[in-house]
N, C-alpha and C. Protein backbone atom coordinates (compact mmCIF):
# COMPACT_ATOMS: atom_id res chain seq x y z
N MET A 1 113.32 125.67 23.29
CA MET A 1 114.47 124.88 22.90
C MET A 1 114.55 124.79 21.38
N ALA A 2 113.42 124.44 20.76
CA ALA A 2 113.39 124.32 19.30
C ALA A 2 113.56 125.70 18.66
N THR A 3 113.01 126.72 19.29
CA THR A 3 113.12 128.07 18.75
C THR A 3 114.58 128.51 18.72
N LYS A 4 115.29 128.23 19.80
CA LYS A 4 116.71 128.59 19.87
C LYS A 4 117.49 127.89 18.77
N PHE A 5 117.20 126.61 18.56
CA PHE A 5 117.87 125.84 17.51
C PHE A 5 117.55 126.42 16.14
N LEU A 6 116.29 126.77 15.91
CA LEU A 6 115.89 127.33 14.61
C LEU A 6 116.55 128.69 14.37
N ILE A 7 116.66 129.48 15.41
CA ILE A 7 117.33 130.78 15.26
C ILE A 7 118.80 130.58 14.90
N LYS A 8 119.46 129.65 15.58
CA LYS A 8 120.87 129.37 15.28
C LYS A 8 121.03 128.86 13.84
N CYS A 9 120.13 127.97 13.43
CA CYS A 9 120.19 127.45 12.05
C CYS A 9 119.96 128.57 11.04
N GLY A 10 119.04 129.47 11.36
CA GLY A 10 118.77 130.60 10.47
C GLY A 10 119.97 131.52 10.34
N ILE A 11 120.63 131.79 11.46
CA ILE A 11 121.83 132.63 11.42
C ILE A 11 122.93 131.95 10.62
N ALA A 12 123.15 130.66 10.88
CA ALA A 12 124.19 129.93 10.16
C ALA A 12 123.88 129.89 8.66
N GLY A 13 122.62 129.62 8.33
CA GLY A 13 122.23 129.59 6.92
C GLY A 13 122.40 130.94 6.26
N GLY A 14 122.03 132.00 6.97
CA GLY A 14 122.21 133.34 6.43
C GLY A 14 123.66 133.69 6.19
N LEU A 15 124.53 133.28 7.12
CA LEU A 15 125.96 133.54 6.95
C LEU A 15 126.52 132.78 5.76
N VAL A 16 126.11 131.53 5.61
CA VAL A 16 126.59 130.74 4.46
C VAL A 16 126.09 131.36 3.17
N TYR A 17 124.80 131.73 3.13
CA TYR A 17 124.24 132.34 1.93
C TYR A 17 124.98 133.63 1.59
N GLN A 18 125.20 134.48 2.59
CA GLN A 18 125.88 135.76 2.35
C GLN A 18 127.31 135.54 1.87
N SER A 19 128.01 134.56 2.44
CA SER A 19 129.39 134.31 2.02
C SER A 19 129.43 133.80 0.58
N ILE A 20 128.46 133.00 0.19
CA ILE A 20 128.40 132.53 -1.21
C ILE A 20 128.05 133.70 -2.12
N ASP A 21 127.10 134.53 -1.68
CA ASP A 21 126.66 135.67 -2.48
C ASP A 21 127.81 136.66 -2.71
N GLN A 22 128.68 136.83 -1.72
CA GLN A 22 129.80 137.75 -1.84
C GLN A 22 130.97 137.15 -2.61
N GLY A 23 130.91 135.86 -2.92
CA GLY A 23 131.97 135.22 -3.69
C GLY A 23 133.13 134.71 -2.85
N LEU A 24 132.89 134.52 -1.56
CA LEU A 24 133.95 134.07 -0.67
C LEU A 24 134.47 132.69 -1.05
N TRP A 25 133.62 131.86 -1.62
CA TRP A 25 133.99 130.48 -1.96
C TRP A 25 134.46 130.37 -3.41
N GLY A 26 134.73 131.48 -4.03
CA GLY A 26 135.20 131.49 -5.42
C GLY A 26 136.70 131.32 -5.51
N SER A 27 137.31 132.10 -6.36
CA SER A 27 138.76 131.99 -6.57
C SER A 27 139.50 132.56 -5.36
N SER A 28 140.77 132.19 -5.26
CA SER A 28 141.57 132.69 -4.14
C SER A 28 141.82 134.19 -4.28
N ALA A 29 141.87 134.69 -5.50
CA ALA A 29 142.05 136.13 -5.71
C ALA A 29 140.84 136.89 -5.16
N ARG A 30 139.64 136.37 -5.42
CA ARG A 30 138.42 137.01 -4.93
C ARG A 30 138.37 136.94 -3.40
N THR A 31 138.78 135.83 -2.83
CA THR A 31 138.81 135.69 -1.38
C THR A 31 139.79 136.68 -0.76
N ALA A 32 140.96 136.83 -1.36
CA ALA A 32 141.95 137.80 -0.86
C ALA A 32 141.41 139.22 -0.96
N GLU A 33 140.69 139.50 -2.03
CA GLU A 33 140.08 140.83 -2.20
C GLU A 33 139.06 141.10 -1.10
N ILE A 34 138.24 140.10 -0.79
CA ILE A 34 137.24 140.25 0.28
C ILE A 34 137.94 140.44 1.63
N HIS A 35 139.00 139.69 1.86
CA HIS A 35 139.76 139.82 3.11
C HIS A 35 140.31 141.23 3.26
N ASN A 36 140.91 141.76 2.21
CA ASN A 36 141.46 143.11 2.26
C ASN A 36 140.37 144.15 2.51
N LYS A 37 139.22 143.95 1.88
CA LYS A 37 138.10 144.87 2.05
C LYS A 37 137.62 144.87 3.51
N ILE A 38 137.48 143.69 4.08
CA ILE A 38 137.03 143.58 5.48
C ILE A 38 138.07 144.18 6.42
N THR A 39 139.35 143.92 6.14
CA THR A 39 140.43 144.48 6.97
C THR A 39 140.40 146.00 6.94
N ASP A 40 140.22 146.57 5.76
CA ASP A 40 140.16 148.03 5.64
C ASP A 40 138.97 148.60 6.39
N LEU A 41 137.83 147.90 6.37
CA LEU A 41 136.64 148.38 7.07
C LEU A 41 136.80 148.29 8.59
N LEU A 42 137.46 147.26 9.07
CA LEU A 42 137.54 147.04 10.52
C LEU A 42 138.72 147.73 11.19
N GLU A 43 139.71 148.15 10.43
CA GLU A 43 140.91 148.75 11.02
C GLU A 43 140.59 149.98 11.87
N PRO A 44 139.79 150.94 11.39
CA PRO A 44 139.49 152.10 12.25
C PRO A 44 138.71 151.71 13.51
N VAL A 45 137.82 150.75 13.38
CA VAL A 45 137.04 150.32 14.54
C VAL A 45 137.96 149.68 15.58
N CYS A 46 138.89 148.85 15.12
CA CYS A 46 139.84 148.20 16.03
C CYS A 46 140.70 149.22 16.75
N LYS A 47 141.15 150.24 16.04
CA LYS A 47 141.97 151.28 16.67
C LYS A 47 141.17 152.02 17.74
N GLU A 48 139.91 152.31 17.44
CA GLU A 48 139.06 153.02 18.39
C GLU A 48 138.81 152.16 19.63
N VAL A 49 138.57 150.89 19.43
CA VAL A 49 138.33 149.99 20.56
C VAL A 49 139.58 149.88 21.42
N LYS A 50 140.75 149.80 20.79
CA LYS A 50 142.00 149.70 21.54
C LYS A 50 142.22 150.95 22.40
N GLN A 51 141.79 152.11 21.91
CA GLN A 51 141.96 153.34 22.67
C GLN A 51 141.00 153.39 23.86
N ARG A 52 139.80 152.85 23.69
CA ARG A 52 138.79 152.89 24.74
C ARG A 52 138.98 151.81 25.79
N VAL A 53 139.43 150.64 25.38
CA VAL A 53 139.52 149.50 26.29
C VAL A 53 140.98 149.29 26.68
N GLU A 54 141.19 149.22 27.98
CA GLU A 54 142.54 148.98 28.46
C GLU A 54 142.80 147.47 28.46
N LEU A 55 143.79 147.07 27.69
CA LEU A 55 144.12 145.65 27.59
C LEU A 55 145.20 145.31 28.61
N PRO A 56 145.08 144.15 29.25
CA PRO A 56 146.10 143.77 30.23
C PRO A 56 147.42 143.44 29.53
N GLU A 57 148.49 143.57 30.28
CA GLU A 57 149.81 143.28 29.73
C GLU A 57 149.95 141.76 29.55
N LEU A 58 150.55 141.37 28.44
CA LEU A 58 150.75 139.95 28.18
C LEU A 58 151.84 139.40 29.09
N PRO A 59 151.70 138.13 29.50
CA PRO A 59 152.75 137.55 30.35
C PRO A 59 154.04 137.35 29.55
N THR A 60 155.15 137.33 30.26
CA THR A 60 156.43 137.12 29.60
C THR A 60 156.56 135.66 29.19
N SER A 61 157.51 135.39 28.31
CA SER A 61 157.69 134.01 27.84
C SER A 61 158.12 133.10 28.99
N GLY A 62 158.85 133.64 29.96
CA GLY A 62 159.24 132.84 31.12
C GLY A 62 158.04 132.42 31.96
N GLU A 63 157.09 133.36 32.14
CA GLU A 63 155.88 133.04 32.89
C GLU A 63 155.05 132.00 32.15
N ILE A 64 154.93 132.15 30.84
CA ILE A 64 154.16 131.19 30.05
C ILE A 64 154.81 129.82 30.13
N SER A 65 156.12 129.77 30.06
CA SER A 65 156.85 128.50 30.15
C SER A 65 156.62 127.85 31.51
N PHE A 66 156.68 128.65 32.58
CA PHE A 66 156.46 128.11 33.92
C PHE A 66 155.05 127.56 34.06
N ILE A 67 154.06 128.32 33.60
CA ILE A 67 152.67 127.89 33.72
C ILE A 67 152.43 126.61 32.92
N ALA A 68 152.96 126.56 31.69
CA ALA A 68 152.78 125.37 30.86
C ALA A 68 153.42 124.16 31.52
N THR A 69 154.63 124.33 32.06
CA THR A 69 155.31 123.22 32.73
C THR A 69 154.54 122.78 33.97
N HIS A 70 154.05 123.75 34.73
CA HIS A 70 153.31 123.43 35.95
C HIS A 70 152.07 122.60 35.63
N TYR A 71 151.27 123.06 34.67
CA TYR A 71 150.03 122.34 34.37
C TYR A 71 150.30 121.01 33.67
N TRP A 72 151.39 120.92 32.93
CA TRP A 72 151.78 119.63 32.34
C TRP A 72 152.06 118.65 33.48
N ASN A 73 152.83 119.10 34.47
CA ASN A 73 153.16 118.22 35.60
C ASN A 73 151.92 117.84 36.40
N VAL A 74 151.00 118.77 36.56
CA VAL A 74 149.75 118.46 37.25
C VAL A 74 149.00 117.36 36.50
N GLY A 75 148.94 117.47 35.18
CA GLY A 75 148.27 116.46 34.37
C GLY A 75 148.94 115.10 34.46
N VAL A 76 150.28 115.09 34.44
CA VAL A 76 151.01 113.82 34.54
C VAL A 76 150.76 113.18 35.91
N LYS A 77 150.81 113.99 36.97
CA LYS A 77 150.57 113.44 38.32
C LYS A 77 149.15 112.89 38.44
N ALA A 78 148.18 113.60 37.90
CA ALA A 78 146.79 113.13 37.96
C ALA A 78 146.62 111.83 37.19
N THR A 79 147.26 111.74 36.02
CA THR A 79 147.16 110.52 35.21
C THR A 79 147.75 109.33 35.95
N PHE A 80 148.94 109.50 36.50
CA PHE A 80 149.57 108.39 37.20
C PHE A 80 148.87 108.08 38.52
N GLY A 81 148.28 109.07 39.16
CA GLY A 81 147.47 108.82 40.35
C GLY A 81 146.26 107.96 40.00
N PHE A 82 145.63 108.27 38.87
CA PHE A 82 144.50 107.47 38.40
C PHE A 82 144.94 106.04 38.12
N LEU A 83 146.07 105.89 37.41
CA LEU A 83 146.56 104.55 37.08
C LEU A 83 146.96 103.78 38.34
N LYS A 84 147.49 104.47 39.34
CA LYS A 84 147.88 103.82 40.59
C LYS A 84 146.65 103.26 41.31
N GLU A 85 145.56 104.00 41.29
CA GLU A 85 144.34 103.59 41.99
C GLU A 85 143.44 102.69 41.15
N LEU A 86 143.74 102.52 39.88
CA LEU A 86 142.86 101.77 38.99
C LEU A 86 142.61 100.33 39.46
N PRO A 87 143.62 99.55 39.84
CA PRO A 87 143.32 98.18 40.29
C PRO A 87 142.42 98.15 41.53
N ARG A 88 142.70 99.02 42.50
CA ARG A 88 141.89 99.05 43.72
C ARG A 88 140.45 99.45 43.40
N ASN A 89 140.29 100.48 42.58
CA ASN A 89 138.95 100.94 42.24
C ASN A 89 138.20 99.90 41.41
N THR A 90 138.92 99.20 40.54
CA THR A 90 138.28 98.15 39.73
C THR A 90 137.80 97.03 40.64
N MET A 91 138.62 96.62 41.59
CA MET A 91 138.24 95.56 42.53
C MET A 91 137.05 96.00 43.36
N ARG A 92 137.08 97.24 43.86
CA ARG A 92 135.98 97.75 44.67
C ARG A 92 134.67 97.78 43.87
N LEU A 93 134.75 98.23 42.63
CA LEU A 93 133.56 98.28 41.79
C LEU A 93 133.06 96.87 41.48
N GLY A 94 133.99 95.95 41.25
CA GLY A 94 133.59 94.56 40.99
C GLY A 94 132.89 93.95 42.19
N CYS A 95 133.41 94.20 43.40
CA CYS A 95 132.79 93.66 44.61
C CYS A 95 131.41 94.27 44.83
N LYS A 96 131.28 95.58 44.63
CA LYS A 96 129.98 96.23 44.79
C LYS A 96 128.98 95.68 43.78
N SER A 97 129.41 95.48 42.56
CA SER A 97 128.52 94.94 41.53
C SER A 97 128.08 93.53 41.88
N TYR A 98 129.03 92.70 42.32
CA TYR A 98 128.72 91.33 42.70
C TYR A 98 127.71 91.31 43.84
N ASN A 99 127.97 92.10 44.89
CA ASN A 99 127.07 92.14 46.04
C ASN A 99 125.69 92.65 45.65
N TYR A 100 125.63 93.62 44.77
CA TYR A 100 124.34 94.15 44.33
C TYR A 100 123.55 93.07 43.60
N ILE A 101 124.23 92.36 42.72
CA ILE A 101 123.55 91.33 41.93
C ILE A 101 123.11 90.18 42.83
N VAL A 102 123.99 89.72 43.72
CA VAL A 102 123.67 88.59 44.58
C VAL A 102 122.53 88.94 45.54
N ASN A 103 122.49 90.15 46.04
CA ASN A 103 121.48 90.55 47.01
C ASN A 103 120.22 91.13 46.38
N HIS A 104 120.15 91.18 45.08
CA HIS A 104 118.97 91.74 44.41
C HIS A 104 117.79 90.79 44.61
N PRO A 105 116.60 91.33 44.90
CA PRO A 105 115.43 90.48 45.18
C PRO A 105 115.07 89.55 44.01
N GLU A 106 115.22 90.00 42.81
CA GLU A 106 114.88 89.17 41.65
C GLU A 106 115.81 87.96 41.56
N VAL A 107 117.08 88.17 41.86
CA VAL A 107 118.04 87.07 41.83
C VAL A 107 117.73 86.08 42.94
N LYS A 108 117.36 86.58 44.12
CA LYS A 108 117.01 85.69 45.23
C LYS A 108 115.79 84.85 44.88
N LYS A 109 114.80 85.44 44.19
CA LYS A 109 113.63 84.67 43.77
C LYS A 109 114.03 83.56 42.81
N LEU A 110 114.93 83.87 41.90
CA LEU A 110 115.39 82.86 40.95
C LEU A 110 116.15 81.75 41.67
N GLN A 111 116.96 82.11 42.66
CA GLN A 111 117.71 81.10 43.41
C GLN A 111 116.78 80.20 44.21
N GLU A 112 115.74 80.78 44.82
CA GLU A 112 114.78 79.99 45.59
C GLU A 112 113.98 79.07 44.68
N GLY A 113 113.72 79.49 43.47
CA GLY A 113 112.94 78.68 42.54
C GLY A 113 113.72 77.48 42.03
N THR A 114 115.04 77.57 41.97
CA THR A 114 115.84 76.46 41.45
C THR A 114 116.19 75.46 42.54
N GLU A 115 116.04 75.80 43.80
CA GLU A 115 116.41 74.88 44.88
C GLU A 115 115.30 73.94 45.23
């Protein structure tokens, strides 16, 4: 567990050190220059990957709209269902808590001691 954390910290520290060393945190002109350099280096690789890997077709805007509306409605229904049941569940939890406390052996000992 600690080893995994140390490895992650080492990677993060190395990335921060390398970005500072390359001047990424300097002027905006230097940052733009680094961005262009990285883009030029990765462009051929991206083209090659696109040729090798078949990407699925993106959904149409109508499908995206339908899905977003559907899940929005599901969320609204779940929220109002929760709010509808909240008083009943609160009462049930209160009764269970009361019964647990009243029937607890330590509480019974205290009640017997005061009588």
